[in-house]
Protein backbone atom coordinates (compact mmCIF):
# COMPACT_ATOMS: atom_id res chain seq x y z
CA LYS A 1 -10.13 -17.21 58.11
CA PRO A 2 -13.72 -17.93 57.45
CA VAL A 3 -16.39 -18.85 59.83
CA ARG A 4 -16.92 -22.42 60.26
CA ILE A 5 -20.27 -23.95 60.79
CA THR A 6 -19.96 -26.50 63.54
CA ASP A 7 -22.91 -28.46 65.46
CA GLN A 8 -22.42 -25.81 68.22
CA GLY A 9 -24.38 -22.39 68.14
CA PRO A 10 -27.74 -21.02 67.48
CA SER A 11 -30.52 -23.56 66.77
CA ASN A 12 -33.41 -21.34 65.59
CA VAL A 13 -31.98 -19.58 62.67
CA LEU A 14 -34.31 -18.02 59.80
CA LEU A 15 -32.28 -17.12 56.63
CA VAL A 16 -33.52 -14.64 54.25
CA GLN A 17 -32.02 -14.37 50.78
CA ASN A 18 -32.95 -12.64 47.47
CA LYS A 19 -32.55 -15.39 44.34
CA ARG A 20 -30.61 -12.60 42.22
CA ASP A 21 -28.64 -10.67 44.92
CA VAL A 22 -25.45 -9.81 43.31
CA ALA A 23 -23.62 -8.47 46.54
CA THR A 24 -24.64 -11.98 48.46
CA PRO A 25 -25.04 -14.56 45.86
CA TYR A 26 -27.87 -16.95 46.53
CA SER A 27 -25.44 -20.05 46.12
CA GLY A 28 -23.83 -18.88 49.12
CA ALA A 29 -26.89 -18.91 51.02
CA LEU A 30 -28.09 -22.27 49.73
CA ASN A 31 -24.56 -23.51 50.94
CA LEU A 32 -25.01 -21.66 54.57
CA ARG A 33 -28.49 -23.47 54.82
CA ARG A 34 -27.19 -26.79 53.85
CA ALA A 35 -24.48 -26.16 56.88
CA TYR A 36 -27.15 -25.28 59.11
CA GLY A 37 -29.23 -28.15 58.63
CA ASP A 38 -32.40 -28.76 60.86
CA ARG A 39 -31.17 -25.98 62.91
CA ALA A 40 -32.29 -23.34 60.18
CA ARG A 41 -35.07 -22.43 57.61
CA MET A 42 -34.64 -20.41 54.89
CA VAL A 43 -36.97 -18.09 52.99
CA SER A 44 -36.12 -17.26 49.46
CA VAL A 45 -37.33 -14.51 47.47
CA ASP A 46 -37.61 -14.56 43.64
CA ALA A 47 -36.21 -11.31 43.12
CA MET A 48 -33.48 -9.06 42.37
CA GLY A 49 -31.66 -6.63 44.57
CA HIS A 50 -30.03 -6.74 48.24
CA GLY A 51 -32.91 -6.70 50.69
CA ALA A 52 -35.20 -9.52 50.82
CA ALA A 53 -37.88 -8.43 53.25
CA TYR A 54 -39.40 -5.01 54.31
CA VAL A 55 -38.55 -3.34 51.01
CA GLU A 56 -40.77 -0.04 50.22
CA ASN A 57 -42.50 -0.42 46.63
CA ASP A 58 -40.87 -3.75 45.54
CA GLY A 59 -40.85 -6.12 48.45
CA SER A 60 -42.48 -9.42 48.98
CA ALA A 61 -45.61 -9.63 51.24
CA CYS A 62 -44.95 -13.24 51.64
CA ALA A 63 -41.26 -12.53 52.83
CA ASP A 64 -42.22 -9.78 55.19
CA ARG A 65 -44.81 -12.15 56.78
CA LYS A 66 -42.38 -14.94 57.44
CA VAL A 67 -39.87 -12.81 58.90
CA THR A 68 -42.46 -10.88 61.27
CA ALA A 69 -43.94 -14.15 62.66
CA PHE A 70 -40.22 -15.24 63.28
CA LEU A 71 -39.74 -11.62 65.22
CA LEU A 72 -42.78 -12.06 67.14
CA THR A 73 -42.74 -15.58 68.03
CA GLY A 74 -39.31 -17.07 67.44
CA GLU A 75 -41.04 -19.82 65.48
CA ARG A 76 -39.64 -20.70 62.28
CA PRO A 77 -41.69 -22.04 58.79
CA GLU A 78 -42.08 -25.68 58.95
CA ARG A 79 -39.89 -25.99 55.84
CA ASP A 80 -38.13 -23.72 53.46
CA VAL A 81 -40.24 -21.05 51.73
CA LEU A 82 -40.02 -19.49 48.16
CA CYS A 83 -41.43 -16.33 48.05
CA ARG A 84 -42.64 -13.94 45.10
CA SER A 85 -41.44 -10.81 44.87
């Protein structure tokens, strides 16, 4: 059975997704973001591949900063963010 997103559960979610990830398509991340509503923010990275943050040689400093800030403080960006790779 698929997991069903309800109004119960976490309220401080940060999604991180590459726009061209074949393994986990961007469309699925957008659907999940919509399902969470205001409980989530999404950091999208304009890149290919499966790793969107902390990727050696090919990563996005923007995504790294957003994820690091969230991990250190629990604070999400005020709005969804699009980062370049």
